[in-house]
Amino acid sequence: MDFGKLETEMRRLALEAGDVIMEIYGREDFDVKAKSDDSPVTEADEAADALISAGLRAAFPDVLLVTEEQAASHSESASSFLIVDPLDGTKEFVKRRGDFTVNIAYVENGVPIRGVVYAPAKDRLFYTDASGKTVEEAAPFAKDAKGAVTEVSVKTPDNSALLVVASKSHRDQATDDYIAKYNVADMKSAGSSLKLCLVATGEADIYPRLGRTMEWDTAAGQAVLMGAGGKMIRFDNHAPFTYGKPGYENPFFIAHAPGVDLKEA
């Protein structure tokens, strides 16, 4: 894989998809449908997916592309693949809360080693550069040239005063019970893969997820987190969190900064 080309293409496509999403977001009304699992899908999901898929297939025709909105891709497999969630946080989008992202990642041998997470309503853009380090680029964003970037890194946690982030739309009692095992100084809620990015930047120390997710929900965020020195592990046994699983379904997980005194499930 040409990582310089990958960085350029993923960044550009995420920004272009963000423009499409925000055009629809700004309308007074937009179509919302229910998928087979009752999760919502909007015309923004579909338009962003079409744009990103066309761009990635043109740039990397020999690499498998898995995307949330194309069910046929969910039965394909390869050791290395691109994986896309064109609009992560559709519920946040529909409720106009701003916590939604464009996620594009590249997985190699089960590990998401490159990724971009763009939150167009918040003007936040995170991605792994050609070397694999994570940066946050400052707005405004030009599609054909990188702007000012800052390398981001997890912070050293204080286990007596942890910063925790949890899901805004999928919080439950099991999550609260697990968080209660820690000494928490501050608790915040966020939507979509932004939660993984908040751990990457040191705005949070730990993000436990005890709920259903798919690989396209997490791959880009995990790449951003790992490029910042963070970790993501299975909730049940603290084993490494891998990709290319049957049906691209995820187990529960914990994203954290190294040094967090992890509690058992």
Protein backbone atom coordinates (compact mmCIF):
# COMPACT_ATOMS: atom_id res chain seq x y z
CA MET A 1 0.00 0.00 0.00
CA ASP A 2 1.20 3.50 -0.88
CA PHE A 3 0.54 5.21 2.47
CA GLY A 4 1.15 8.71 1.13
CA LYS A 5 -1.50 8.20 -1.53
CA LEU A 6 -3.80 6.57 1.01
CA GLU A 7 -3.54 9.56 3.36
CA THR A 8 -4.27 11.99 0.52
CA GLU A 9 -7.23 10.06 -0.85
CA MET A 10 -8.86 9.24 2.49
CA ARG A 11 -8.53 12.83 3.69
CA ARG A 12 -9.93 14.31 0.47
CA LEU A 13 -12.83 11.87 0.24
CA ALA A 14 -13.78 12.42 3.88
CA LEU A 15 -13.88 16.18 3.31
CA GLU A 16 -15.90 15.83 0.11
CA ALA A 17 -18.34 13.48 1.84
CA GLY A 18 -18.60 15.98 4.69
CA ASP A 19 -19.70 18.66 2.26
CA VAL A 20 -22.42 16.39 0.87
CA ILE A 21 -23.57 15.48 4.37
CA MET A 22 -23.70 19.09 5.56
CA GLU A 23 -25.67 20.20 2.50
CA ILE A 24 -28.38 17.68 3.39
CA TYR A 25 -28.06 18.43 7.14
CA GLY A 26 -28.81 22.09 6.39
CA ARG A 27 -32.11 21.32 4.72
CA GLU A 28 -35.37 21.83 6.55
CA ASP A 29 -36.25 18.19 5.94
CA PHE A 30 -34.57 15.04 4.62
CA ASP A 31 -35.55 11.42 4.07
CA VAL A 32 -35.02 8.93 6.90
CA LYS A 33 -35.62 5.21 6.33
CA ALA A 34 -35.24 2.14 8.54
CA LYS A 35 -32.84 -0.65 7.62
CA SER A 36 -33.52 -4.34 8.28
CA ASP A 37 -32.09 -4.01 11.81
CA ASP A 38 -34.33 -0.95 12.45
CA SER A 39 -31.35 1.41 12.48
CA PRO A 40 -31.92 4.66 10.57
CA VAL A 41 -30.39 5.49 7.19
CA THR A 42 -30.71 8.85 5.46
CA GLU A 43 -30.05 10.18 1.98
CA ALA A 44 -26.86 11.66 3.47
CA ASP A 45 -25.57 8.16 4.35
CA GLU A 46 -26.28 6.98 0.83
CA ALA A 47 -24.86 10.01 -0.98
CA ALA A 48 -21.66 10.02 1.10
CA ASP A 49 -21.27 6.28 0.57
CA ALA A 50 -21.57 6.62 -3.20
CA LEU A 51 -18.95 9.38 -3.28
CA ILE A 52 -16.43 7.62 -1.02
CA SER A 53 -16.87 4.22 -2.66
CA ALA A 54 -16.33 5.60 -6.16
CA GLY A 55 -13.20 7.44 -5.02
CA LEU A 56 -11.66 4.51 -3.20
CA ARG A 57 -12.41 2.03 -5.98
CA ALA A 58 -10.80 4.36 -8.52
CA ALA A 59 -7.71 4.93 -6.39
CA PHE A 60 -7.28 1.39 -5.03
CA PRO A 61 -9.03 -0.98 -7.47
CA ASP A 62 -7.24 -4.08 -6.16
CA VAL A 63 -8.16 -3.59 -2.48
CA LEU A 64 -11.38 -5.02 -1.06
CA LEU A 65 -13.84 -2.32 -0.02
CA VAL A 66 -16.27 -3.01 2.82
CA THR A 67 -18.86 -0.35 3.50
CA GLU A 68 -21.84 -0.22 5.84
CA GLU A 69 -24.30 0.80 3.15
CA GLN A 70 -23.43 -1.98 0.67
CA ALA A 71 -24.68 -5.24 2.20
CA ALA A 72 -23.04 -7.37 -0.50
CA SER A 73 -19.61 -6.30 0.79
CA HIS A 74 -20.36 -7.74 4.24
CA SER A 75 -19.93 -11.31 3.01
CA GLU A 76 -16.56 -10.69 1.37
CA SER A 77 -13.24 -11.08 3.14
CA ALA A 78 -9.53 -10.45 2.64
CA SER A 79 -6.45 -10.08 4.84
CA SER A 80 -6.26 -6.39 3.96
CA PHE A 81 -9.21 -4.15 3.13
CA LEU A 82 -10.65 -0.65 3.18
CA ILE A 83 -13.66 -0.18 5.44
CA VAL A 84 -16.07 2.75 5.47
CA ASP A 85 -18.88 4.17 7.53
CA PRO A 86 -19.93 7.15 5.42
CA LEU A 87 -22.04 8.66 8.21
CA ASP A 88 -21.37 7.29 11.68
CA GLY A 89 -23.85 8.57 14.23
CA THR A 90 -26.92 8.70 12.01
CA LYS A 91 -29.12 9.10 15.11
CA GLU A 92 -27.12 12.20 16.05
CA PHE A 93 -27.53 13.46 12.49
CA VAL A 94 -31.29 12.92 12.51
CA LYS A 95 -31.61 14.64 15.91
CA ARG A 96 -29.34 17.45 14.63
CA ARG A 97 -26.91 17.11 17.52
CA GLY A 98 -23.72 17.41 15.46
CA ASP A 99 -21.90 14.35 16.84
CA PHE A 100 -21.59 12.47 13.55
CA THR A 101 -18.52 11.53 11.57
CA VAL A 102 -17.19 10.23 8.28
CA ASN A 103 -15.03 7.14 8.88
CA ILE A 104 -12.57 5.63 6.40
CA ALA A 105 -9.92 3.08 7.41
CA TYR A 106 -7.41 0.64 6.00
CA VAL A 107 -7.03 -2.71 7.77
CA GLU A 108 -3.95 -4.88 7.31
CA ASN A 109 -3.77 -8.39 8.78
CA GLY A 110 -6.61 -7.67 11.19
CA VAL A 111 -5.29 -4.30 12.42
CA PRO A 112 -6.62 -0.88 11.36
CA ILE A 113 -3.32 0.86 10.65
CA ARG A 114 -4.57 3.98 8.85
CA GLY A 115 -7.75 5.99 9.22
CA VAL A 116 -9.54 9.30 8.99
CA VAL A 117 -12.38 10.57 11.18
CA TYR A 118 -14.05 13.81 10.10
CA ALA A 119 -16.77 15.53 12.13
CA PRO A 120 -18.05 18.12 9.64
CA ALA A 121 -20.54 19.79 11.98
CA LYS A 122 -17.78 20.32 14.54
CA ASP A 123 -14.92 21.21 12.17
CA ARG A 124 -12.72 18.48 13.61
CA LEU A 125 -10.54 16.34 11.35
CA PHE A 126 -8.33 13.55 12.65
CA TYR A 127 -6.22 11.18 10.57
CA THR A 128 -3.11 9.06 10.51
CA ASP A 129 -0.42 10.52 8.30
CA ALA A 130 1.78 8.55 5.91
CA SER A 131 4.05 7.53 8.79
CA GLY A 132 1.16 6.24 10.91
CA LYS A 133 1.19 9.09 13.44
CA THR A 134 -2.14 10.72 14.27
CA VAL A 135 -2.67 14.41 13.61
CA GLU A 136 -5.56 16.82 13.99
CA GLU A 137 -5.85 19.40 11.23
CA ALA A 138 -7.16 22.87 11.95
CA ALA A 139 -10.08 24.30 9.97
CA PRO A 140 -10.73 25.63 7.38
CA PHE A 141 -9.96 22.57 5.28
CA ALA A 142 -8.79 22.65 1.66
CA LYS A 143 -9.38 19.42 -0.20
CA ASP A 144 -6.25 19.61 -2.32
CA ALA A 145 -3.76 20.63 0.39
CA LYS A 146 -3.17 19.86 4.05
CA GLY A 147 -3.51 22.73 6.44
CA ALA A 148 -1.88 23.25 9.82
CA VAL A 149 -1.68 19.96 11.71
CA THR A 150 -0.91 19.12 15.31
CA GLU A 151 0.31 15.68 16.30
CA VAL A 152 -2.01 14.28 18.95
CA SER A 153 -1.21 11.91 21.76
CA VAL A 154 -2.99 10.19 24.60
CA LYS A 155 -2.21 11.63 28.00
CA THR A 156 -0.88 9.87 31.06
CA PRO A 157 -3.97 9.03 33.11
CA ASP A 158 -4.47 9.75 36.80
CA ASN A 159 -6.22 6.63 38.09
CA SER A 160 -7.56 8.57 41.07
CA ALA A 161 -9.30 11.05 38.76
CA LEU A 162 -10.09 9.52 35.39
CA LEU A 163 -11.78 11.23 32.47
CA VAL A 164 -14.42 8.93 30.99
CA VAL A 165 -16.37 9.23 27.75
CA ALA A 166 -19.41 7.11 26.92
CA SER A 167 -22.00 6.83 24.21
CA LYS A 168 -24.64 9.53 23.92
CA SER A 169 -27.28 7.34 22.26
CA HIS A 170 -26.42 3.85 23.58
CA ARG A 171 -25.72 4.32 27.29
CA ASP A 172 -27.13 1.56 29.52
CA GLN A 173 -27.00 0.28 33.08
CA ALA A 174 -24.27 -2.25 32.33
CA THR A 175 -22.04 0.57 31.08
CA ASP A 176 -22.77 2.66 34.17
CA ASP A 177 -22.03 -0.31 36.44
CA TYR A 178 -18.67 -0.84 34.79
CA ILE A 179 -17.73 2.85 34.92
CA ALA A 180 -18.61 2.82 38.64
CA LYS A 181 -15.59 0.55 39.22
CA TYR A 182 -13.30 3.51 38.47
CA ASN A 183 -12.47 6.74 40.27
CA VAL A 184 -14.03 9.21 37.85
CA ALA A 185 -13.23 12.91 37.90
CA ASP A 186 -15.27 13.83 34.86
CA MET A 187 -17.77 12.08 32.65
CA LYS A 188 -18.79 13.20 29.20
CA SER A 189 -21.06 11.85 26.50
CA ALA A 190 -20.35 11.93 22.80
CA GLY A 191 -21.66 10.32 19.65
CA SER A 192 -20.08 8.28 16.87
CA SER A 193 -16.35 7.59 16.59
CA LEU A 194 -15.62 10.96 18.19
CA LYS A 195 -15.36 9.07 21.47
CA LEU A 196 -12.28 7.22 20.24
CA CYS A 197 -10.77 10.48 19.03
CA LEU A 198 -11.31 12.08 22.46
CA VAL A 199 -9.20 9.34 24.02
CA ALA A 200 -6.59 9.86 21.30
CA THR A 201 -6.30 13.58 22.08
CA GLY A 202 -6.22 13.14 25.86
CA GLU A 203 -9.66 14.69 26.32
CA ALA A 204 -10.68 11.35 27.86
CA ASP A 205 -8.76 8.45 29.38
CA ILE A 206 -11.14 5.57 28.80
CA TYR A 207 -14.17 4.70 26.68
CA PRO A 208 -15.94 1.41 27.49
CA ARG A 209 -18.51 0.17 24.98
CA LEU A 210 -20.90 -2.54 26.16
CA GLY A 211 -23.15 -2.58 23.15
CA ARG A 212 -23.39 -3.72 19.57
CA THR A 213 -21.05 -2.13 17.05
CA MET A 214 -19.74 -3.12 13.65
CA GLU A 215 -16.20 -2.91 12.35
CA TRP A 216 -16.99 0.09 10.14
CA ASP A 217 -18.08 1.96 13.28
CA THR A 218 -14.71 1.56 14.97
CA ALA A 219 -11.89 0.90 12.48
CA ALA A 220 -11.05 4.51 11.62
CA GLY A 221 -11.35 5.63 15.24
CA GLN A 222 -9.13 2.79 16.40
CA ALA A 223 -6.51 3.70 13.79
CA VAL A 224 -6.59 7.30 15.06
CA LEU A 225 -6.35 6.09 18.66
CA MET A 226 -3.46 3.71 18.00
CA GLY A 227 -1.59 6.36 16.00
CA ALA A 228 -1.81 8.54 19.12
CA GLY A 229 -0.40 5.82 21.39
CA GLY A 230 -3.72 4.49 22.67
CA LYS A 231 -5.10 0.97 22.88
CA MET A 232 -8.33 -0.84 22.15
CA ILE A 233 -9.08 -4.26 23.61
CA ARG A 234 -11.92 -6.71 23.96
CA PHE A 235 -14.07 -6.09 27.03
CA ASP A 236 -14.43 -9.76 27.99
CA ASN A 237 -10.80 -10.89 28.11
CA HIS A 238 -8.72 -7.77 27.33
CA ALA A 239 -7.31 -9.46 24.21
CA PRO A 240 -6.32 -7.34 21.19
CA PHE A 241 -9.23 -6.02 19.14
CA THR A 242 -9.04 -7.39 15.61
CA TYR A 243 -10.82 -6.92 12.29
CA GLY A 244 -12.08 -9.11 9.48
CA LYS A 245 -14.39 -11.06 11.79
CA PRO A 246 -17.39 -12.98 10.40
CA GLY A 247 -20.05 -10.49 9.32
CA TYR A 248 -17.76 -7.67 10.49
CA GLU A 249 -19.42 -7.72 13.91
CA ASN A 250 -17.63 -6.43 16.99
CA PRO A 251 -17.59 -7.71 20.55
CA PHE A 252 -17.78 -5.23 23.44
CA PHE A 253 -14.56 -3.25 23.89
CA ILE A 254 -12.54 -0.80 25.97
CA ALA A 255 -10.56 2.02 24.38
CA HIS A 256 -8.03 3.53 26.73
CA ALA A 257 -4.79 5.35 27.29
CA PRO A 258 -1.89 3.16 28.48
CA GLY A 259 -1.63 3.38 32.23
CA VAL A 260 -5.32 3.11 33.01
CA ASP A 261 -5.75 0.52 35.77
CA LEU A 262 -8.26 -1.62 33.89
CA LYS A 263 -10.99 -3.39 35.82
CA GLU A 264 -12.33 -6.84 35.00
CA ALA A 265 -15.66 -7.22 33.28
